[in-house]
């Protein structure tokens, strides 16, 4: 989804009517993997745990994607915010 949602930002001169279908085409293939993964994963994890894993993976991929592909600077507050989200992951997965 990273490329579907943000990849077009590197091509700001491209017409929106081209960018939207291209983004949908990219997203379609991810959904083809995500839907079965959620079905299989839900046999072992709760929906909250699945969503927490998805968002954590998305944030880590986004960090790399934004730095390498979009050439965006990673600042200290981004790292601090992501670290707090990792703490949230601990809270969700901890068996209280």
PDB file of N, CA and C in Angstrom:
ATOM      1  N   UNK A   1       0.819  -1.186   0.000  1.00  0.00           N
ATOM      2  CA  UNK A   1       0.000   0.000   0.000  1.00  0.00           C
ATOM      3  C   UNK A   1       0.864   1.251   0.000  1.00  0.00           C
ATOM      4  N   UNK A   2       2.095   1.091   0.422  1.00  0.00           N
ATOM      5  CA  UNK A   2       2.977   2.252   0.476  1.00  0.00           C
ATOM      6  C   UNK A   2       3.119   2.901  -0.901  1.00  0.00           C
ATOM      7  N   UNK A   3       3.351   2.079  -1.916  1.00  0.00           N
ATOM      8  CA  UNK A   3       3.483   2.624  -3.272  1.00  0.00           C
ATOM      9  C   UNK A   3       2.145   3.131  -3.788  1.00  0.00           C
ATOM     10  N   UNK A   4       1.066   2.446  -3.454  1.00  0.00           N
ATOM     11  CA  UNK A   4      -0.257   2.882  -3.916  1.00  0.00           C
ATOM     12  C   UNK A   4      -0.622   4.238  -3.327  1.00  0.00           C
ATOM     13  N   UNK A   5      -0.309   4.441  -2.057  1.00  0.00           N
ATOM     14  CA  UNK A   5      -0.707   5.681  -1.396  1.00  0.00           C
ATOM     15  C   UNK A   5       0.283   6.818  -1.570  1.00  0.00           C
ATOM     16  N   UNK A   6       1.576   6.503  -1.590  1.00  0.00           N
ATOM     17  CA  UNK A   6       2.591   7.561  -1.560  1.00  0.00           C
ATOM     18  C   UNK A   6       3.541   7.566  -2.749  1.00  0.00           C
ATOM     19  N   UNK A   7       3.611   6.486  -3.509  1.00  0.00           N
ATOM     20  CA  UNK A   7       4.554   6.404  -4.623  1.00  0.00           C
ATOM     21  C   UNK A   7       4.349   7.488  -5.669  1.00  0.00           C
ATOM     22  N   UNK A   8       3.104   7.863  -5.873  1.00  0.00           N
ATOM     23  CA  UNK A   8       2.806   8.883  -6.885  1.00  0.00           C
ATOM     24  C   UNK A   8       3.336  10.263  -6.499  1.00  0.00           C
ATOM     25  N   UNK A   9       3.673  10.479  -5.245  1.00  0.00           N
ATOM     26  CA  UNK A   9       4.185  11.787  -4.822  1.00  0.00           C
ATOM     27  C   UNK A   9       5.522  12.122  -5.472  1.00  0.00           C
ATOM     28  N   UNK A  10       6.206  11.106  -5.936  1.00  0.00           N
ATOM     29  CA  UNK A  10       7.466  11.332  -6.644  1.00  0.00           C
ATOM     30  C   UNK A  10       7.207  11.821  -8.073  1.00  0.00           C
ATOM     31  N   UNK A  11       5.983  11.655  -8.553  1.00  0.00           N
ATOM     32  CA  UNK A  11       5.620  12.040  -9.919  1.00  0.00           C
ATOM     33  C   UNK A  11       4.504  13.086  -9.869  1.00  0.00           C
ATOM     34  N   UNK A  12       4.801  14.214  -9.277  1.00  0.00           N
ATOM     35  CA  UNK A  12       3.781  15.248  -9.056  1.00  0.00           C
ATOM     36  C   UNK A  12       3.268  15.865 -10.348  1.00  0.00           C
ATOM     37  N   UNK A  13       3.991  15.702 -11.443  1.00  0.00           N
ATOM     38  CA  UNK A  13       3.536  16.253 -12.727  1.00  0.00           C
ATOM     39  C   UNK A  13       2.555  15.324 -13.442  1.00  0.00           C
ATOM     40  N   UNK A  14       2.443  14.090 -12.968  1.00  0.00           N
ATOM     41  CA  UNK A  14       1.511  13.143 -13.598  1.00  0.00           C
ATOM     42  C   UNK A  14       0.077  13.562 -13.303  1.00  0.00           C
ATOM     43  N   UNK A  15      -0.778  13.400 -14.289  1.00  0.00           N
ATOM     44  CA  UNK A  15      -2.179  13.775 -14.135  1.00  0.00           C
ATOM     45  C   UNK A  15      -2.860  12.874 -13.104  1.00  0.00           C
ATOM     46  N   UNK A  16      -3.755  13.465 -12.346  1.00  0.00           N
ATOM     47  CA  UNK A  16      -4.457  12.728 -11.308  1.00  0.00           C
ATOM     48  C   UNK A  16      -5.280  11.574 -11.888  1.00  0.00           C
ATOM     49  N   UNK A  17      -5.823  11.775 -13.085  1.00  0.00           N
ATOM     50  CA  UNK A  17      -6.632  10.715 -13.697  1.00  0.00           C
ATOM     51  C   UNK A  17      -5.797   9.506 -14.082  1.00  0.00           C
ATOM     52  N   UNK A  18      -4.484   9.661 -14.171  1.00  0.00           N
ATOM     53  CA  UNK A  18      -3.575   8.541 -14.419  1.00  0.00           C
ATOM     54  C   UNK A  18      -3.118   7.923 -13.095  1.00  0.00           C
ATOM     55  N   UNK A  19      -2.857   8.788 -12.126  1.00  0.00           N
ATOM     56  CA  UNK A  19      -2.328   8.347 -10.834  1.00  0.00           C
ATOM     57  C   UNK A  19      -3.338   7.485 -10.072  1.00  0.00           C
ATOM     58  N   UNK A  20      -4.601   7.862 -10.115  1.00  0.00           N
ATOM     59  CA  UNK A  20      -5.610   7.124  -9.341  1.00  0.00           C
ATOM     60  C   UNK A  20      -5.747   5.669  -9.813  1.00  0.00           C
ATOM     61  N   UNK A  21      -5.964   5.405 -11.106  1.00  0.00           N
ATOM     62  CA  UNK A  21      -6.049   3.989 -11.525  1.00  0.00           C
ATOM     63  C   UNK A  21      -4.746   3.213 -11.306  1.00  0.00           C
ATOM     64  N   UNK A  22      -3.613   3.887 -11.478  1.00  0.00           N
ATOM     65  CA  UNK A  22      -2.331   3.216 -11.247  1.00  0.00           C
ATOM     66  C   UNK A  22      -2.209   2.813  -9.774  1.00  0.00           C
ATOM     67  N   UNK A  23      -2.615   3.694  -8.878  1.00  0.00           N
ATOM     68  CA  UNK A  23      -2.567   3.382  -7.451  1.00  0.00           C
ATOM     69  C   UNK A  23      -3.512   2.242  -7.102  1.00  0.00           C
ATOM     70  N   UNK A  24      -4.698   2.240  -7.690  1.00  0.00           N
ATOM     71  CA  UNK A  24      -5.656   1.153  -7.454  1.00  0.00           C
ATOM     72  C   UNK A  24      -5.113  -0.177  -7.964  1.00  0.00           C
ATOM     73  N   UNK A  25      -4.419  -0.158  -9.079  1.00  0.00           N
ATOM     74  CA  UNK A  25      -3.839  -1.389  -9.630  1.00  0.00           C
ATOM     75  C   UNK A  25      -2.787  -1.956  -8.676  1.00  0.00           C
ATOM     76  N   UNK A  26      -1.962  -1.085  -8.119  1.00  0.00           N
ATOM     77  CA  UNK A  26      -0.953  -1.531  -7.158  1.00  0.00           C
ATOM     78  C   UNK A  26      -1.628  -2.087  -5.907  1.00  0.00           C
ATOM     79  N   UNK A  27      -2.632  -1.385  -5.408  1.00  0.00           N
ATOM     80  CA  UNK A  27      -3.321  -1.802  -4.185  1.00  0.00           C
ATOM     81  C   UNK A  27      -4.019  -3.151  -4.359  1.00  0.00           C
ATOM     82  N   UNK A  28      -4.547  -3.409  -5.540  1.00  0.00           N
ATOM     83  CA  UNK A  28      -5.248  -4.665  -5.800  1.00  0.00           C
ATOM     84  C   UNK A  28      -4.377  -5.875  -5.478  1.00  0.00           C
ATOM     85  N   UNK A  29      -3.117  -5.831  -5.892  1.00  0.00           N
ATOM     86  CA  UNK A  29      -2.229  -6.971  -5.667  1.00  0.00           C
ATOM     87  C   UNK A  29      -1.920  -7.159  -4.184  1.00  0.00           C
ATOM     88  N   UNK A  30      -1.816  -6.062  -3.451  1.00  0.00           N
ATOM     89  CA  UNK A  30      -1.594  -6.215  -2.011  1.00  0.00           C
ATOM     90  C   UNK A  30      -2.811  -6.843  -1.347  1.00  0.00           C
ATOM     91  N   UNK A  31      -3.998  -6.432  -1.743  1.00  0.00           N
ATOM     92  CA  UNK A  31      -5.201  -7.020  -1.169  1.00  0.00           C
ATOM     93  C   UNK A  31      -5.298  -8.516  -1.462  1.00  0.00           C
ATOM     94  N   UNK A  32      -4.792  -8.932  -2.609  1.00  0.00           N
ATOM     95  CA  UNK A  32      -4.799 -10.355  -2.950  1.00  0.00           C
ATOM     96  C   UNK A  32      -3.975 -11.175  -1.957  1.00  0.00           C
ATOM     97  N   UNK A  33      -2.993 -10.550  -1.329  1.00  0.00           N
ATOM     98  CA  UNK A  33      -2.195 -11.223  -0.301  1.00  0.00           C
ATOM     99  C   UNK A  33      -2.743 -10.969   1.104  1.00  0.00           C
ATOM    100  N   UNK A  34      -3.228  -9.760   1.346  1.00  0.00           N
ATOM    101  CA  UNK A  34      -3.649  -9.376   2.689  1.00  0.00           C
ATOM    102  C   UNK A  34      -4.885 -10.135   3.165  1.00  0.00           C
ATOM    103  N   UNK A  35      -5.861 -10.306   2.295  1.00  0.00           N
ATOM    104  CA  UNK A  35      -7.105 -10.967   2.702  1.00  0.00           C
ATOM    105  C   UNK A  35      -6.846 -12.412   3.147  1.00  0.00           C
ATOM    106  N   UNK A  36      -6.146 -13.224   2.350  1.00  0.00           N
ATOM    107  CA  UNK A  36      -5.857 -14.588   2.829  1.00  0.00           C
ATOM    108  C   UNK A  36      -4.969 -14.597   4.078  1.00  0.00           C
ATOM    109  N   UNK A  37      -4.031 -13.661   4.167  1.00  0.00           N
ATOM    110  CA  UNK A  37      -3.158 -13.605   5.342  1.00  0.00           C
ATOM    111  C   UNK A  37      -3.967 -13.336   6.604  1.00  0.00           C
ATOM    112  N   UNK A  38      -4.950 -12.456   6.523  1.00  0.00           N
ATOM    113  CA  UNK A  38      -5.798 -12.181   7.680  1.00  0.00           C
ATOM    114  C   UNK A  38      -6.639 -13.394   8.047  1.00  0.00           C
ATOM    115  N   UNK A  39      -7.141 -14.093   7.052  1.00  0.00           N
ATOM    116  CA  UNK A  39      -7.942 -15.296   7.328  1.00  0.00           C
ATOM    117  C   UNK A  39      -7.107 -16.353   8.048  1.00  0.00           C
ATOM    118  N   UNK A  40      -5.904 -16.569   7.553  1.00  0.00           N
ATOM    119  CA  UNK A  40      -5.016 -17.561   8.167  1.00  0.00           C
ATOM    120  C   UNK A  40      -4.550 -17.079   9.536  1.00  0.00           C
ATOM    121  N   UNK A  41      -4.150 -15.813   9.606  1.00  0.00           N
ATOM    122  CA  UNK A  41      -3.642 -15.261  10.857  1.00  0.00           C
ATOM    123  C   UNK A  41      -4.662 -15.240  11.973  1.00  0.00           C
ATOM    124  N   UNK A  42      -5.931 -15.068  11.629  1.00  0.00           N
ATOM    125  CA  UNK A  42      -6.982 -15.001  12.639  1.00  0.00           C
ATOM    126  C   UNK A  42      -7.226 -16.344  13.324  1.00  0.00           C
ATOM    127  N   UNK A  43      -6.662 -17.403  12.772  1.00  0.00           N
ATOM    128  CA  UNK A  43      -6.734 -18.706  13.454  1.00  0.00           C
ATOM    129  C   UNK A  43      -5.841 -18.720  14.693  1.00  0.00           C
ATOM    130  N   UNK A  44      -4.823 -17.842  14.711  1.00  0.00           N
ATOM    131  CA  UNK A  44      -3.826 -17.840  15.775  1.00  0.00           C
ATOM    132  C   UNK A  44      -3.795 -16.544  16.582  1.00  0.00           C
ATOM    133  N   UNK A  45      -4.249 -15.444  15.984  1.00  0.00           N
ATOM    134  CA  UNK A  45      -4.183 -14.135  16.630  1.00  0.00           C
ATOM    135  C   UNK A  45      -5.554 -13.476  16.615  1.00  0.00           C
ATOM    136  N   UNK A  46      -5.780 -12.585  17.567  1.00  0.00           N
ATOM    137  CA  UNK A  46      -7.027 -11.820  17.566  1.00  0.00           C
ATOM    138  C   UNK A  46      -6.967 -10.761  16.468  1.00  0.00           C
ATOM    139  N   UNK A  47      -8.103 -10.185  16.155  1.00  0.00           N
ATOM    140  CA  UNK A  47      -8.145  -9.127  15.143  1.00  0.00           C
ATOM    141  C   UNK A  47      -7.315  -7.925  15.598  1.00  0.00           C
ATOM    142  N   UNK A  48      -7.377  -7.605  16.891  1.00  0.00           N
ATOM    143  CA  UNK A  48      -6.576  -6.486  17.412  1.00  0.00           C
ATOM    144  C   UNK A  48      -5.084  -6.761  17.245  1.00  0.00           C
ATOM    145  N   UNK A  49      -4.672  -7.997  17.482  1.00  0.00           N
ATOM    146  CA  UNK A  49      -3.261  -8.344  17.309  1.00  0.00           C
ATOM    147  C   UNK A  49      -2.859  -8.298  15.835  1.00  0.00           C
ATOM    148  N   UNK A  50      -3.728  -8.787  14.950  1.00  0.00           N
ATOM    149  CA  UNK A  50      -3.439  -8.718  13.511  1.00  0.00           C
ATOM    150  C   UNK A  50      -3.274  -7.273  13.054  1.00  0.00           C
ATOM    151  N   UNK A  51      -4.189  -6.413  13.485  1.00  0.00           N
ATOM    152  CA  UNK A  51      -4.127  -5.003  13.071  1.00  0.00           C
ATOM    153  C   UNK A  51      -2.891  -4.326  13.651  1.00  0.00           C
ATOM    154  N   UNK A  52      -2.548  -4.649  14.875  1.00  0.00           N
ATOM    155  CA  UNK A  52      -1.349  -4.080  15.490  1.00  0.00           C
ATOM    156  C   UNK A  52      -0.103  -4.490  14.722  1.00  0.00           C
ATOM    157  N   UNK A  53      -0.032  -5.771  14.344  1.00  0.00           N
ATOM    158  CA  UNK A  53       1.105  -6.228  13.539  1.00  0.00           C
ATOM    159  C   UNK A  53       1.156  -5.501  12.200  1.00  0.00           C
ATOM    160  N   UNK A  54      -0.006  -5.369  11.554  1.00  0.00           N
ATOM    161  CA  UNK A  54      -0.055  -4.711  10.250  1.00  0.00           C
ATOM    162  C   UNK A  54       0.445  -3.270  10.347  1.00  0.00           C
ATOM    163  N   UNK A  55      -0.028  -2.546  11.344  1.00  0.00           N
ATOM    164  CA  UNK A  55       0.374  -1.142  11.478  1.00  0.00           C
ATOM    165  C   UNK A  55       1.845  -1.009  11.833  1.00  0.00           C
ATOM    166  N   UNK A  56       2.358  -1.919  12.640  1.00  0.00           N
ATOM    167  CA  UNK A  56       3.777  -1.885  12.992  1.00  0.00           C
ATOM    168  C   UNK A  56       4.645  -2.132  11.770  1.00  0.00           C
ATOM    169  N   UNK A  57       4.288  -3.143  11.003  1.00  0.00           N
ATOM    170  CA  UNK A  57       5.033  -3.429   9.775  1.00  0.00           C
ATOM    171  C   UNK A  57       4.932  -2.253   8.806  1.00  0.00           C
ATOM    172  N   UNK A  58       3.742  -1.686   8.690  1.00  0.00           N
ATOM    173  CA  UNK A  58       3.542  -0.539   7.805  1.00  0.00           C
ATOM    174  C   UNK A  58       4.424   0.633   8.216  1.00  0.00           C
ATOM    175  N   UNK A  59       4.503   0.914   9.502  1.00  0.00           N
ATOM    176  CA  UNK A  59       5.341   2.025   9.969  1.00  0.00           C
ATOM    177  C   UNK A  59       6.815   1.786   9.677  1.00  0.00           C
ATOM    178  N   UNK A  60       7.268   0.567   9.902  1.00  0.00           N
ATOM    179  CA  UNK A  60       8.670   0.273   9.624  1.00  0.00           C
ATOM    180  C   UNK A  60       8.977   0.383   8.129  1.00  0.00           C
ATOM    181  N   UNK A  61       8.093  -0.148   7.304  1.00  0.00           N
ATOM    182  CA  UNK A  61       8.280  -0.050   5.855  1.00  0.00           C
ATOM    183  C   UNK A  61       8.199   1.410   5.422  1.00  0.00           C
ATOM    184  N   UNK A  62       7.255   2.162   6.011  1.00  0.00           N
ATOM    185  CA  UNK A  62       7.106   3.569   5.664  1.00  0.00           C
ATOM    186  C   UNK A  62       8.359   4.369   6.008  1.00  0.00           C
ATOM    187  N   UNK A  63       8.971   4.062   7.127  1.00  0.00           N
ATOM    188  CA  UNK A  63      10.195   4.746   7.529  1.00  0.00           C
ATOM    189  C   UNK A  63      11.273   4.578   6.465  1.00  0.00           C
ATOM    190  N   UNK A  64      11.470   3.341   6.014  1.00  0.00           N
ATOM    191  CA  UNK A  64      12.464   3.055   4.978  1.00  0.00           C
ATOM    192  C   UNK A  64      12.032   3.671   3.640  1.00  0.00           C
ATOM    193  N   UNK A  65      10.768   3.496   3.288  1.00  0.00           N
ATOM    194  CA  UNK A  65      10.231   4.011   2.020  1.00  0.00           C
ATOM    195  C   UNK A  65      10.384   5.530   1.917  1.00  0.00           C
ATOM    196  N   UNK A  66       9.993   6.233   2.962  1.00  0.00           N
ATOM    197  CA  UNK A  66      10.045   7.693   2.901  1.00  0.00           C
ATOM    198  C   UNK A  66      11.478   8.198   2.842  1.00  0.00           C
ATOM    199  N   UNK A  67      12.389   7.491   3.494  1.00  0.00           N
ATOM    200  CA  UNK A  67      13.793   7.915   3.474  1.00  0.00           C
ATOM    201  C   UNK A  67      14.472   7.586   2.148  1.00  0.00           C
ATOM    202  N   UNK A  68      14.278   6.377   1.657  1.00  0.00           N
ATOM    203  CA  UNK A  68      14.999   5.938   0.463  1.00  0.00           C
ATOM    204  C   UNK A  68      14.311   6.320  -0.844  1.00  0.00           C
ATOM    205  N   UNK A  69      13.007   6.174  -0.908  1.00  0.00           N
ATOM    206  CA  UNK A  69      12.295   6.421  -2.165  1.00  0.00           C
ATOM    207  C   UNK A  69      11.894   7.886  -2.329  1.00  0.00           C
ATOM    208  N   UNK A  70      11.323   8.456  -1.271  1.00  0.00           N
ATOM    209  CA  UNK A  70      10.872   9.851  -1.361  1.00  0.00           C
ATOM    210  C   UNK A  70      11.937  10.851  -0.917  1.00  0.00           C
ATOM    211  N   UNK A  71      13.047  10.348  -0.395  1.00  0.00           N
ATOM    212  CA  UNK A  71      14.169  11.192   0.039  1.00  0.00           C
ATOM    213  C   UNK A  71      13.750  12.197   1.121  1.00  0.00           C
ATOM    214  N   UNK A  72      12.864  11.756   2.018  1.00  0.00           N
ATOM    215  CA  UNK A  72      12.418  12.598   3.123  1.00  0.00           C
ATOM    216  C   UNK A  72      13.357  12.380   4.313  1.00  0.00           C
ATOM    217  N   UNK A  73      13.638  13.449   5.020  1.00  0.00           N
ATOM    218  CA  UNK A  73      14.500  13.361   6.192  1.00  0.00           C
ATOM    219  C   UNK A  73      13.735  12.731   7.362  1.00  0.00           C
ATOM    220  N   UNK A  74      14.388  11.819   8.052  1.00  0.00           N
ATOM    221  CA  UNK A  74      13.809  11.232   9.262  1.00  0.00           C
ATOM    222  C   UNK A  74      14.312  12.055  10.437  1.00  0.00           C
ATOM    223  N   UNK A  75      13.380  12.600  11.193  1.00  0.00           N
ATOM    224  CA  UNK A  75      13.727  13.481  12.312  1.00  0.00           C
ATOM    225  C   UNK A  75      13.574  12.735  13.633  1.00  0.00           C
ATOM    226  N   UNK A  76      14.138  13.317  14.666  1.00  0.00           N
ATOM    227  CA  UNK A  76      14.119  12.682  15.986  1.00  0.00           C
ATOM    228  C   UNK A  76      12.703  12.444  16.481  1.00  0.00           C
ATOM    229  N   UNK A  77      11.791  13.378  16.197  1.00  0.00           N
ATOM    230  CA  UNK A  77      10.422  13.213  16.693  1.00  0.00           C
ATOM    231  C   UNK A  77       9.689  12.075  15.977  1.00  0.00           C
ATOM    232  N   UNK A  78      10.083  11.770  14.738  1.00  0.00           N
ATOM    233  CA  UNK A  78       9.510  10.613  14.042  1.00  0.00           C
ATOM    234  C   UNK A  78       9.925   9.330  14.763  1.00  0.00           C
ATOM    235  N   UNK A  79      11.203   9.235  15.074  1.00  0.00           N
ATOM    236  CA  UNK A  79      11.722   8.060  15.777  1.00  0.00           C
ATOM    237  C   UNK A  79      11.069   7.937  17.154  1.00  0.00           C
ATOM    238  N   UNK A  80      10.947   9.051  17.867  1.00  0.00           N
ATOM    239  CA  UNK A  80      10.327   9.027  19.201  1.00  0.00           C
ATOM    240  C   UNK A  80       8.872   8.573  19.107  1.00  0.00           C
ATOM    241  N   UNK A  81       8.143   9.094  18.127  1.00  0.00           N
ATOM    242  CA  UNK A  81       6.751   8.693  17.953  1.00  0.00           C
ATOM    243  C   UNK A  81       6.617   7.232  17.603  1.00  0.00           C
ATOM    244  N   UNK A  82       7.472   6.732  16.724  1.00  0.00           N
ATOM    245  CA  UNK A  82       7.442   5.317  16.362  1.00  0.00           C
ATOM    246  C   UNK A  82       7.797   4.446  17.572  1.00  0.00           C
ATOM    247  N   UNK A  83       8.730   4.911  18.396  1.00  0.00           N
ATOM    248  CA  UNK A  83       9.091   4.162  19.602  1.00  0.00           C
ATOM    249  C   UNK A  83       7.894   4.046  20.544  1.00  0.00           C
ATOM    250  N   UNK A  84       7.126   5.110  20.667  1.00  0.00           N
ATOM    251  CA  UNK A  84       5.919   5.049  21.499  1.00  0.00           C
ATOM    252  C   UNK A  84       4.899   4.064  20.928  1.00  0.00           C
ATOM    253  N   UNK A  85       4.841   3.989  19.599  1.00  0.00           N
ATOM    254  CA  UNK A  85       3.936   3.023  18.978  1.00  0.00           C
ATOM    255  C   UNK A  85       4.399   1.590  19.239  1.00  0.00           C
ATOM    256  N   UNK A  86       5.693   1.386  19.289  1.00  0.00           N
ATOM    257  CA  UNK A  86       6.218   0.060  19.622  1.00  0.00           C
ATOM    258  C   UNK A  86       5.827  -0.297  21.056  1.00  0.00           C
ATOM    259  N   UNK A  87       5.825   0.692  21.936  1.00  0.00           N
ATOM    260  CA  UNK A  87       5.346   0.463  23.304  1.00  0.00           C
ATOM    261  C   UNK A  87       3.876   0.039  23.280  1.00  0.00           C
ATOM    262  N   UNK A  88       3.099   0.642  22.411  1.00  0.00           N
ATOM    263  CA  UNK A  88       1.692   0.267  22.267  1.00  0.00           C
ATOM    264  C   UNK A  88       1.565  -1.186  21.805  1.00  0.00           C
ATOM    265  N   UNK A  89       2.452  -1.620  20.934  1.00  0.00           N
ATOM    266  CA  UNK A  89       2.449  -3.012  20.476  1.00  0.00           C
ATOM    267  C   UNK A  89       2.670  -3.947  21.669  1.00  0.00           C
ATOM    268  N   UNK A  90       3.586  -3.588  22.529  1.00  0.00           N
ATOM    269  CA  UNK A  90       3.830  -4.384  23.725  1.00  0.00           C
ATOM    270  C   UNK A  90       2.560  -4.501  24.563  1.00  0.00           C
ATOM    271  N   UNK A  91       1.869  -3.384  24.750  1.00  0.00           N
ATOM    272  CA  UNK A  91       0.648  -3.373  25.557  1.00  0.00           C
ATOM    273  C   UNK A  91      -0.418  -4.283  24.940  1.00  0.00           C
ATOM    274  N   UNK A  92      -0.548  -4.257  23.619  1.00  0.00           N
ATOM    275  CA  UNK A  92      -1.564  -5.089  22.943  1.00  0.00           C
ATOM    276  C   UNK A  92      -1.232  -6.571  23.064  1.00  0.00           C
ATOM    277  N   UNK A  93       0.025  -6.937  22.891  1.00  0.00           N
ATOM    278  CA  UNK A  93       0.401  -8.350  22.867  1.00  0.00           C
ATOM    279  C   UNK A  93       0.690  -8.943  24.243  1.00  0.00           C
ATOM    280  N   UNK A  94       0.885  -8.112  25.240  1.00  0.00           N
ATOM    281  CA  UNK A  94       1.160  -8.616  26.596  1.00  0.00           C
ATOM    282  C   UNK A  94      -0.059  -9.332  27.142  1.00  0.00           C
ATOM    283  N   UNK A  95       0.147 -10.502  27.685  1.00  0.00           N
ATOM    284  CA  UNK A  95      -0.945 -11.267  28.299  1.00  0.00           C
ATOM    285  C   UNK A  95      -1.082 -10.796  29.745  1.00  0.00           C
ATOM    286  N   UNK A  96      -2.068  -9.960  30.002  1.00  0.00           N
ATOM    287  CA  UNK A  96      -2.249  -9.365  31.335  1.00  0.00           C
ATOM    288  C   UNK A  96      -3.010 -10.277  32.235  1.00  0.00           C
TER     289      UNK A  96
END
